[in-house]
Amino acid sequence: MECKLNIENDILTAELDGEIDHHTAKDIREQIDLEIEMQNPKTLVLDFSDITFMDSSGIGLIMGRYKKIKQSGGKVKIKNPSPNTFRVLKLAGMDRLAKIEREE
């Protein structure tokens, strides 16, 4: 699992690559949380373009980052989830916490 972080204009983008499961979620969470604490972005973009698998750990990852960034008035966007991941996100109600953007 790879997580590339980039901040520009108060937008922190986390480009995720690989699988999000209980083995990888902790490292991703720690990397993103550290960057949020250091940079205090207004928006967190979780780029799911290259995610090949996600279990409930991915839902937890999103919810935790939403709570963390919401404390400072920020928001979360989820970008380009696969059709299967999009379905899981919708079923879990993530579209109520974060804007989900998909390229068709």
N, C-alpha and C. Protein backbone atom coordinates (compact mmCIF):
# COMPACT_ATOMS: atom_id res chain seq x y z
N MET A 1 0.85 -1.19 0.00
CA MET A 1 0.00 0.00 0.00
C MET A 1 0.88 1.23 0.00
N GLU A 2 0.56 2.15 -0.87
CA GLU A 2 1.31 3.38 -0.95
C GLU A 2 0.36 4.55 -0.73
N CYS A 3 0.86 5.57 -0.06
CA CYS A 3 0.08 6.79 0.20
C CYS A 3 0.98 7.99 -0.07
N LYS A 4 0.70 8.68 -1.17
CA LYS A 4 1.44 9.89 -1.52
C LYS A 4 0.63 11.09 -1.06
N LEU A 5 1.26 11.97 -0.29
CA LEU A 5 0.58 13.14 0.23
C LEU A 5 1.10 14.40 -0.44
N ASN A 6 0.17 15.29 -0.78
CA ASN A 6 0.51 16.55 -1.42
C ASN A 6 -0.42 17.63 -0.87
N ILE A 7 0.15 18.77 -0.51
CA ILE A 7 -0.70 19.87 -0.06
C ILE A 7 -0.49 21.08 -0.96
N GLU A 8 -1.60 21.67 -1.37
CA GLU A 8 -1.58 22.85 -2.22
C GLU A 8 -2.86 23.64 -1.98
N ASN A 9 -2.72 24.93 -1.70
CA ASN A 9 -3.86 25.82 -1.48
C ASN A 9 -4.82 25.29 -0.41
N ASP A 10 -4.28 24.87 0.73
CA ASP A 10 -5.08 24.35 1.85
C ASP A 10 -5.84 23.07 1.52
N ILE A 11 -5.42 22.36 0.47
CA ILE A 11 -6.03 21.08 0.10
C ILE A 11 -4.98 20.00 0.23
N LEU A 12 -5.21 19.06 1.14
CA LEU A 12 -4.32 17.92 1.32
C LEU A 12 -4.89 16.76 0.50
N THR A 13 -4.11 16.28 -0.46
CA THR A 13 -4.52 15.15 -1.28
C THR A 13 -3.71 13.93 -0.89
N ALA A 14 -4.41 12.85 -0.62
CA ALA A 14 -3.79 11.57 -0.31
C ALA A 14 -4.08 10.63 -1.48
N GLU A 15 -3.06 10.35 -2.27
CA GLU A 15 -3.20 9.43 -3.40
C GLU A 15 -2.89 8.02 -2.89
N LEU A 16 -3.93 7.21 -2.83
CA LEU A 16 -3.82 5.87 -2.28
C LEU A 16 -3.68 4.86 -3.41
N ASP A 17 -2.85 3.84 -3.17
CA ASP A 17 -2.56 2.86 -4.20
C ASP A 17 -2.48 1.48 -3.56
N GLY A 18 -3.29 0.54 -4.06
CA GLY A 18 -3.25 -0.82 -3.54
C GLY A 18 -4.52 -1.19 -2.81
N GLU A 19 -4.35 -1.89 -1.68
CA GLU A 19 -5.48 -2.38 -0.90
C GLU A 19 -5.56 -1.68 0.44
N ILE A 20 -6.79 -1.38 0.87
CA ILE A 20 -7.01 -0.84 2.21
C ILE A 20 -7.68 -1.95 3.02
N ASP A 21 -6.93 -2.49 3.96
CA ASP A 21 -7.46 -3.51 4.86
C ASP A 21 -6.87 -3.28 6.24
N HIS A 22 -7.14 -4.19 7.17
CA HIS A 22 -6.68 -3.96 8.54
C HIS A 22 -5.16 -3.95 8.65
N HIS A 23 -4.45 -4.51 7.68
CA HIS A 23 -2.99 -4.50 7.70
C HIS A 23 -2.42 -3.15 7.26
N THR A 24 -3.09 -2.46 6.37
CA THR A 24 -2.55 -1.22 5.79
C THR A 24 -3.19 0.05 6.34
N ALA A 25 -4.39 -0.05 6.87
CA ALA A 25 -5.14 1.15 7.28
C ALA A 25 -4.42 1.95 8.37
N LYS A 26 -3.77 1.27 9.30
CA LYS A 26 -3.11 1.97 10.41
C LYS A 26 -2.00 2.90 9.89
N ASP A 27 -1.17 2.41 8.99
CA ASP A 27 -0.09 3.24 8.45
C ASP A 27 -0.62 4.43 7.67
N ILE A 28 -1.66 4.19 6.86
CA ILE A 28 -2.26 5.28 6.09
C ILE A 28 -2.83 6.33 7.04
N ARG A 29 -3.55 5.86 8.04
CA ARG A 29 -4.17 6.74 9.03
C ARG A 29 -3.11 7.62 9.70
N GLU A 30 -2.01 7.01 10.13
CA GLU A 30 -0.96 7.75 10.82
C GLU A 30 -0.33 8.80 9.91
N GLN A 31 -0.07 8.44 8.65
CA GLN A 31 0.54 9.39 7.71
C GLN A 31 -0.38 10.59 7.47
N ILE A 32 -1.65 10.31 7.22
CA ILE A 32 -2.60 11.40 6.94
C ILE A 32 -2.82 12.27 8.18
N ASP A 33 -2.97 11.64 9.35
CA ASP A 33 -3.19 12.40 10.58
C ASP A 33 -2.03 13.33 10.89
N LEU A 34 -0.81 12.85 10.70
CA LEU A 34 0.37 13.68 10.95
C LEU A 34 0.37 14.90 10.03
N GLU A 35 0.04 14.69 8.77
CA GLU A 35 0.01 15.80 7.81
C GLU A 35 -1.12 16.78 8.14
N ILE A 36 -2.27 16.26 8.57
CA ILE A 36 -3.37 17.15 8.98
C ILE A 36 -2.94 18.02 10.16
N GLU A 37 -2.28 17.41 11.14
CA GLU A 37 -1.83 18.16 12.32
C GLU A 37 -0.79 19.21 11.96
N MET A 38 0.11 18.88 11.03
CA MET A 38 1.18 19.81 10.65
C MET A 38 0.68 20.93 9.73
N GLN A 39 -0.22 20.61 8.80
CA GLN A 39 -0.61 21.56 7.76
C GLN A 39 -1.96 22.24 7.98
N ASN A 40 -2.84 21.63 8.77
CA ASN A 40 -4.18 22.15 9.04
C ASN A 40 -4.91 22.54 7.74
N PRO A 41 -5.09 21.56 6.83
CA PRO A 41 -5.77 21.85 5.55
C PRO A 41 -7.26 22.09 5.75
N LYS A 42 -7.87 22.78 4.80
CA LYS A 42 -9.31 23.02 4.83
C LYS A 42 -10.07 21.87 4.15
N THR A 43 -9.40 21.16 3.26
CA THR A 43 -10.01 20.04 2.55
C THR A 43 -9.04 18.87 2.50
N LEU A 44 -9.56 17.68 2.74
CA LEU A 44 -8.80 16.45 2.56
C LEU A 44 -9.42 15.70 1.39
N VAL A 45 -8.62 15.43 0.37
CA VAL A 45 -9.07 14.65 -0.78
C VAL A 45 -8.43 13.27 -0.69
N LEU A 46 -9.26 12.25 -0.60
CA LEU A 46 -8.79 10.87 -0.61
C LEU A 46 -8.97 10.34 -2.02
N ASP A 47 -7.88 10.18 -2.74
CA ASP A 47 -7.92 9.75 -4.13
C ASP A 47 -7.88 8.23 -4.18
N PHE A 48 -9.01 7.63 -4.53
CA PHE A 48 -9.17 6.17 -4.57
C PHE A 48 -8.95 5.61 -5.98
N SER A 49 -8.41 6.40 -6.89
CA SER A 49 -8.24 5.98 -8.28
C SER A 49 -7.53 4.64 -8.42
N ASP A 50 -6.53 4.40 -7.58
CA ASP A 50 -5.72 3.19 -7.70
C ASP A 50 -5.94 2.19 -6.57
N ILE A 51 -7.09 2.28 -5.89
CA ILE A 51 -7.44 1.30 -4.86
C ILE A 51 -8.03 0.07 -5.54
N THR A 52 -7.45 -1.09 -5.26
CA THR A 52 -7.92 -2.33 -5.88
C THR A 52 -8.84 -3.13 -4.97
N PHE A 53 -8.81 -2.86 -3.65
CA PHE A 53 -9.65 -3.57 -2.68
C PHE A 53 -9.78 -2.70 -1.44
N MET A 54 -10.97 -2.74 -0.84
CA MET A 54 -11.19 -2.04 0.42
C MET A 54 -12.19 -2.82 1.25
N ASP A 55 -11.85 -3.07 2.52
CA ASP A 55 -12.80 -3.70 3.43
C ASP A 55 -13.29 -2.63 4.42
N SER A 56 -13.89 -3.04 5.50
CA SER A 56 -14.45 -2.09 6.46
C SER A 56 -13.39 -1.18 7.08
N SER A 57 -12.13 -1.57 7.02
CA SER A 57 -11.06 -0.71 7.51
C SER A 57 -11.01 0.60 6.72
N GLY A 58 -11.36 0.54 5.45
CA GLY A 58 -11.40 1.75 4.62
C GLY A 58 -12.50 2.70 5.08
N ILE A 59 -13.63 2.14 5.49
CA ILE A 59 -14.72 2.96 6.02
C ILE A 59 -14.26 3.64 7.30
N GLY A 60 -13.59 2.89 8.16
CA GLY A 60 -13.05 3.45 9.40
C GLY A 60 -12.02 4.54 9.13
N LEU A 61 -11.20 4.32 8.12
CA LEU A 61 -10.20 5.30 7.73
C LEU A 61 -10.87 6.62 7.34
N ILE A 62 -11.90 6.53 6.53
CA ILE A 62 -12.61 7.74 6.08
C ILE A 62 -13.30 8.42 7.26
N MET A 63 -14.00 7.65 8.07
CA MET A 63 -14.73 8.24 9.20
C MET A 63 -13.80 8.96 10.18
N GLY A 64 -12.67 8.34 10.48
CA GLY A 64 -11.72 8.94 11.40
C GLY A 64 -11.13 10.23 10.87
N ARG A 65 -10.78 10.26 9.57
CA ARG A 65 -10.21 11.46 8.98
C ARG A 65 -11.29 12.54 8.88
N TYR A 66 -12.54 12.14 8.62
CA TYR A 66 -13.64 13.10 8.59
C TYR A 66 -13.77 13.78 9.96
N LYS A 67 -13.77 13.00 11.02
CA LYS A 67 -13.90 13.57 12.37
C LYS A 67 -12.74 14.50 12.68
N LYS A 68 -11.55 14.09 12.29
CA LYS A 68 -10.35 14.89 12.59
C LYS A 68 -10.37 16.22 11.84
N ILE A 69 -10.69 16.21 10.58
CA ILE A 69 -10.65 17.45 9.79
C ILE A 69 -11.87 18.33 10.08
N LYS A 70 -12.97 17.71 10.46
CA LYS A 70 -14.19 18.46 10.78
C LYS A 70 -13.99 19.34 12.02
N GLN A 71 -13.11 18.91 12.94
CA GLN A 71 -12.83 19.68 14.16
C GLN A 71 -12.32 21.08 13.85
N SER A 72 -11.63 21.22 12.73
CA SER A 72 -11.10 22.54 12.36
C SER A 72 -11.92 23.19 11.24
N GLY A 73 -13.13 22.67 11.02
CA GLY A 73 -14.01 23.26 10.03
C GLY A 73 -13.75 22.80 8.60
N GLY A 74 -12.95 21.76 8.44
CA GLY A 74 -12.62 21.28 7.10
C GLY A 74 -13.63 20.28 6.57
N LYS A 75 -13.35 19.78 5.36
CA LYS A 75 -14.24 18.82 4.73
C LYS A 75 -13.42 17.74 4.02
N VAL A 76 -14.10 16.66 3.67
CA VAL A 76 -13.46 15.52 3.01
C VAL A 76 -14.12 15.28 1.67
N LYS A 77 -13.29 14.95 0.67
CA LYS A 77 -13.78 14.52 -0.63
C LYS A 77 -13.14 13.17 -0.94
N ILE A 78 -13.92 12.31 -1.57
CA ILE A 78 -13.41 11.03 -2.03
C ILE A 78 -13.44 11.07 -3.54
N LYS A 79 -12.31 10.79 -4.14
CA LYS A 79 -12.17 10.95 -5.59
C LYS A 79 -11.96 9.60 -6.27
N ASN A 80 -12.74 9.36 -7.31
CA ASN A 80 -12.58 8.23 -8.23
C ASN A 80 -12.57 6.83 -7.62
N PRO A 81 -13.54 6.50 -6.76
CA PRO A 81 -13.60 5.11 -6.31
C PRO A 81 -14.07 4.21 -7.46
N SER A 82 -13.63 2.97 -7.44
CA SER A 82 -14.10 2.01 -8.45
C SER A 82 -15.60 1.80 -8.24
N PRO A 83 -16.30 1.23 -9.22
CA PRO A 83 -17.74 0.97 -9.05
C PRO A 83 -18.05 0.13 -7.79
N ASN A 84 -17.25 -0.89 -7.53
CA ASN A 84 -17.49 -1.71 -6.33
C ASN A 84 -17.24 -0.93 -5.05
N THR A 85 -16.16 -0.18 -5.01
CA THR A 85 -15.86 0.63 -3.83
C THR A 85 -16.91 1.71 -3.65
N PHE A 86 -17.36 2.31 -4.73
CA PHE A 86 -18.42 3.33 -4.67
C PHE A 86 -19.68 2.74 -4.03
N ARG A 87 -20.04 1.54 -4.43
CA ARG A 87 -21.22 0.87 -3.88
C ARG A 87 -21.07 0.66 -2.37
N VAL A 88 -19.89 0.22 -1.94
CA VAL A 88 -19.63 0.02 -0.51
C VAL A 88 -19.72 1.36 0.24
N LEU A 89 -19.15 2.39 -0.34
CA LEU A 89 -19.18 3.72 0.29
C LEU A 89 -20.62 4.22 0.45
N LYS A 90 -21.42 4.05 -0.59
CA LYS A 90 -22.83 4.47 -0.53
C LYS A 90 -23.60 3.67 0.52
N LEU A 91 -23.41 2.36 0.54
CA LEU A 91 -24.11 1.51 1.52
C LEU A 91 -23.74 1.89 2.95
N ALA A 92 -22.49 2.31 3.15
CA ALA A 92 -22.03 2.69 4.48
C ALA A 92 -22.41 4.13 4.83
N GLY A 93 -23.01 4.85 3.89
CA GLY A 93 -23.43 6.23 4.16
C GLY A 93 -22.31 7.25 4.09
N MET A 94 -21.21 6.90 3.46
CA MET A 94 -20.08 7.83 3.38
C MET A 94 -20.40 9.06 2.55
N ASP A 95 -21.39 8.95 1.68
CA ASP A 95 -21.78 10.11 0.87
C ASP A 95 -22.43 11.20 1.71
N ARG A 96 -22.82 10.88 2.95
CA ARG A 96 -23.35 11.91 3.86
C ARG A 96 -22.23 12.65 4.58
N LEU A 97 -21.04 12.04 4.64
CA LEU A 97 -19.89 12.67 5.31
C LEU A 97 -18.96 13.36 4.34
N ALA A 98 -18.86 12.80 3.16
CA ALA A 98 -17.88 13.30 2.19
C ALA A 98 -18.50 13.37 0.81
N LYS A 99 -18.05 14.33 0.03
CA LYS A 99 -18.46 14.41 -1.35
C LYS A 99 -17.69 13.34 -2.12
N ILE A 100 -18.41 12.52 -2.88
CA ILE A 100 -17.78 11.49 -3.68
C ILE A 100 -17.82 11.91 -5.13
N GLU A 101 -16.63 12.06 -5.72
CA GLU A 101 -16.51 12.50 -7.11
C GLU A 101 -16.00 11.34 -7.94
N ARG A 102 -16.73 11.04 -9.02
CA ARG A 102 -16.33 9.95 -9.91
C ARG A 102 -16.19 10.46 -11.32
N GLU A 103 -15.13 10.02 -11.98
CA GLU A 103 -14.98 10.30 -13.40
C GLU A 103 -15.71 9.19 -14.14
N GLU A 104 -16.54 9.55 -15.06
CA GLU A 104 -17.33 8.54 -15.80
C GLU A 104 -16.56 8.07 -17.01
